[in-house]
Amino acid sequence: MEHWTYMLGYGVHWITLYFLVSQSENKRRILVVNALVQFSYSAILIYNLLYNAQDSMGLVWLLYLIWVIGVHWLVNSILLIFRVWKKNKSFTAN
């Protein structure tokens, strides 16, 4: 039942990443770096969520996963806001 929470987090993150990639000049690098980072922490945390979830540790691993997805999303959101602001600033300066 808890799978919908982190799947929703992934969905929101990838929508933000889509807009970040569309605003970027170096699209491939941003996509590859973000995918590798997300795959790395997801593999570790989902493995622990599925196989090391004795007693209440499943909730702890789930909260770690949601927290890390949130931090990753926040960093990408800040980068997206900065890029849009920078593009609009240079657009209005001309």
C-alpha atoms as a PDB file:
ATOM      1  CA  MET A   1       0.000   0.000   0.000  1.00  0.00           C
ATOM      2  CA  GLU A   2       2.892   2.369   0.632  1.00  0.00           C
ATOM      3  CA  HIS A   3       4.132   2.018  -2.945  1.00  0.00           C
ATOM      4  CA  TRP A   4       1.846   4.784  -4.195  1.00  0.00           C
ATOM      5  CA  THR A   5       3.593   7.339  -1.963  1.00  0.00           C
ATOM      6  CA  TYR A   6       7.052   6.978  -3.406  1.00  0.00           C
ATOM      7  CA  MET A   7       5.692   6.364  -6.918  1.00  0.00           C
ATOM      8  CA  LEU A   8       3.895   9.711  -6.657  1.00  0.00           C
ATOM      9  CA  GLY A   9       7.192  11.258  -5.538  1.00  0.00           C
ATOM     10  CA  TYR A  10       8.966   9.766  -8.544  1.00  0.00           C
ATOM     11  CA  GLY A  11       6.230  11.077 -10.836  1.00  0.00           C
ATOM     12  CA  VAL A  12       6.486  14.627  -9.526  1.00  0.00           C
ATOM     13  CA  HIS A  13      10.280  14.468  -9.681  1.00  0.00           C
ATOM     14  CA  TRP A  14      10.338  13.244 -13.281  1.00  0.00           C
ATOM     15  CA  ILE A  15       7.846  15.913 -14.372  1.00  0.00           C
ATOM     16  CA  THR A  16      10.140  18.536 -12.840  1.00  0.00           C
ATOM     17  CA  LEU A  17      13.137  16.855 -14.464  1.00  0.00           C
ATOM     18  CA  TYR A  18      11.373  16.953 -17.841  1.00  0.00           C
ATOM     19  CA  PHE A  19      10.945  20.728 -17.567  1.00  0.00           C
ATOM     20  CA  LEU A  20      14.537  21.125 -16.349  1.00  0.00           C
ATOM     21  CA  VAL A  21      15.858  19.144 -19.321  1.00  0.00           C
ATOM     22  CA  SER A  22      13.703  21.146 -21.727  1.00  0.00           C
ATOM     23  CA  GLN A  23      15.165  24.407 -20.346  1.00  0.00           C
ATOM     24  CA  SER A  24      18.758  23.176 -20.399  1.00  0.00           C
ATOM     25  CA  GLU A  25      21.381  23.410 -23.097  1.00  0.00           C
ATOM     26  CA  ASN A  26      23.075  20.173 -22.037  1.00  0.00           C
ATOM     27  CA  LYS A  27      20.017  17.915 -21.983  1.00  0.00           C
ATOM     28  CA  ARG A  28      21.732  14.548 -22.130  1.00  0.00           C
ATOM     29  CA  ARG A  29      24.133  15.241 -19.278  1.00  0.00           C
ATOM     30  CA  ILE A  30      21.392  16.459 -16.941  1.00  0.00           C
ATOM     31  CA  LEU A  31      19.192  13.475 -17.754  1.00  0.00           C
ATOM     32  CA  VAL A  32      21.997  10.906 -17.344  1.00  0.00           C
ATOM     33  CA  VAL A  33      23.332  12.385 -14.095  1.00  0.00           C
ATOM     34  CA  ASN A  34      19.878  12.618 -12.520  1.00  0.00           C
ATOM     35  CA  ALA A  35      18.952   9.110 -13.661  1.00  0.00           C
ATOM     36  CA  LEU A  36      22.176   7.643 -12.231  1.00  0.00           C
ATOM     37  CA  VAL A  37      21.768   9.459  -8.930  1.00  0.00           C
ATOM     38  CA  GLN A  38      18.135   8.436  -8.622  1.00  0.00           C
ATOM     39  CA  PHE A  39      18.845   4.836  -9.611  1.00  0.00           C
ATOM     40  CA  SER A  40      21.637   4.625  -7.024  1.00  0.00           C
ATOM     41  CA  TYR A  41      19.676   5.781  -4.015  1.00  0.00           C
ATOM     42  CA  SER A  42      16.500   4.054  -5.160  1.00  0.00           C
ATOM     43  CA  ALA A  43      18.200   0.692  -5.565  1.00  0.00           C
ATOM     44  CA  ILE A  44      19.668   0.838  -2.067  1.00  0.00           C
ATOM     45  CA  LEU A  45      16.565   2.145  -0.320  1.00  0.00           C
ATOM     46  CA  ILE A  46      13.997   0.000  -2.133  1.00  0.00           C
ATOM     47  CA  TYR A  47      16.131  -3.097  -1.527  1.00  0.00           C
ATOM     48  CA  ASN A  48      16.189  -2.294   2.177  1.00  0.00           C
ATOM     49  CA  LEU A  49      12.472  -1.497   2.131  1.00  0.00           C
ATOM     50  CA  LEU A  50      11.688  -4.895   0.629  1.00  0.00           C
ATOM     51  CA  TYR A  51      14.244  -7.171   2.309  1.00  0.00           C
ATOM     52  CA  ASN A  52      15.338  -5.475   5.553  1.00  0.00           C
ATOM     53  CA  ALA A  53      11.961  -4.359   6.850  1.00  0.00           C
ATOM     54  CA  GLN A  54      11.718  -6.220  10.149  1.00  0.00           C
ATOM     55  CA  ASP A  55       9.437  -4.774  12.812  1.00  0.00           C
ATOM     56  CA  SER A  56       9.024  -1.058  12.092  1.00  0.00           C
ATOM     57  CA  MET A  57      12.141  -0.668   9.930  1.00  0.00           C
ATOM     58  CA  GLY A  58       9.969  -0.763   6.808  1.00  0.00           C
ATOM     59  CA  LEU A  59       8.496   2.583   7.782  1.00  0.00           C
ATOM     60  CA  VAL A  60      11.974   3.987   8.402  1.00  0.00           C
ATOM     61  CA  TRP A  61      13.200   2.887   4.954  1.00  0.00           C
ATOM     62  CA  LEU A  62      10.045   4.294   3.366  1.00  0.00           C
ATOM     63  CA  LEU A  63      10.559   7.653   5.081  1.00  0.00           C
ATOM     64  CA  TYR A  64      14.228   7.702   4.022  1.00  0.00           C
ATOM     65  CA  LEU A  65      13.180   7.030   0.437  1.00  0.00           C
ATOM     66  CA  ILE A  66      10.514   9.739   0.438  1.00  0.00           C
ATOM     67  CA  TRP A  67      12.919  12.198   2.081  1.00  0.00           C
ATOM     68  CA  VAL A  68      15.690  11.547  -0.474  1.00  0.00           C
ATOM     69  CA  ILE A  69      13.251  11.858  -3.388  1.00  0.00           C
ATOM     70  CA  GLY A  70      12.058  15.142  -1.879  1.00  0.00           C
ATOM     71  CA  VAL A  71      15.577  16.521  -1.511  1.00  0.00           C
ATOM     72  CA  HIS A  72      16.445  15.486  -5.070  1.00  0.00           C
ATOM     73  CA  TRP A  73      13.231  17.124  -6.309  1.00  0.00           C
ATOM     74  CA  LEU A  74      13.976  20.301  -4.329  1.00  0.00           C
ATOM     75  CA  VAL A  75      17.460  20.615  -5.836  1.00  0.00           C
ATOM     76  CA  ASN A  76      16.104  20.124  -9.355  1.00  0.00           C
ATOM     77  CA  SER A  77      13.271  22.585  -8.701  1.00  0.00           C
ATOM     78  CA  ILE A  78      15.721  25.242  -7.549  1.00  0.00           C
ATOM     79  CA  LEU A  79      17.835  24.650 -10.666  1.00  0.00           C
ATOM     80  CA  LEU A  80      14.724  24.898 -12.848  1.00  0.00           C
ATOM     81  CA  ILE A  81      13.596  28.137 -11.200  1.00  0.00           C
ATOM     82  CA  PHE A  82      17.096  29.594 -11.576  1.00  0.00           C
ATOM     83  CA  ARG A  83      17.281  28.633 -15.258  1.00  0.00           C
ATOM     84  CA  VAL A  84      13.834  30.068 -16.041  1.00  0.00           C
ATOM     85  CA  TRP A  85      14.647  33.254 -14.124  1.00  0.00           C
ATOM     86  CA  LYS A  86      18.000  33.588 -15.894  1.00  0.00           C
ATOM     87  CA  LYS A  87      16.409  32.994 -19.304  1.00  0.00           C
ATOM     88  CA  ASN A  88      13.657  35.551 -18.631  1.00  0.00           C
ATOM     89  CA  LYS A  89      16.180  38.058 -17.293  1.00  0.00           C
ATOM     90  CA  SER A  90      18.351  37.781 -20.416  1.00  0.00           C
ATOM     91  CA  PHE A  91      15.236  37.890 -22.614  1.00  0.00           C
ATOM     92  CA  THR A  92      14.023  41.163 -21.091  1.00  0.00           C
ATOM     93  CA  ALA A  93      17.513  42.706 -21.197  1.00  0.00           C
ATOM     94  CA  ASN A  94      17.593  42.485 -24.991  1.00  0.00           C
END
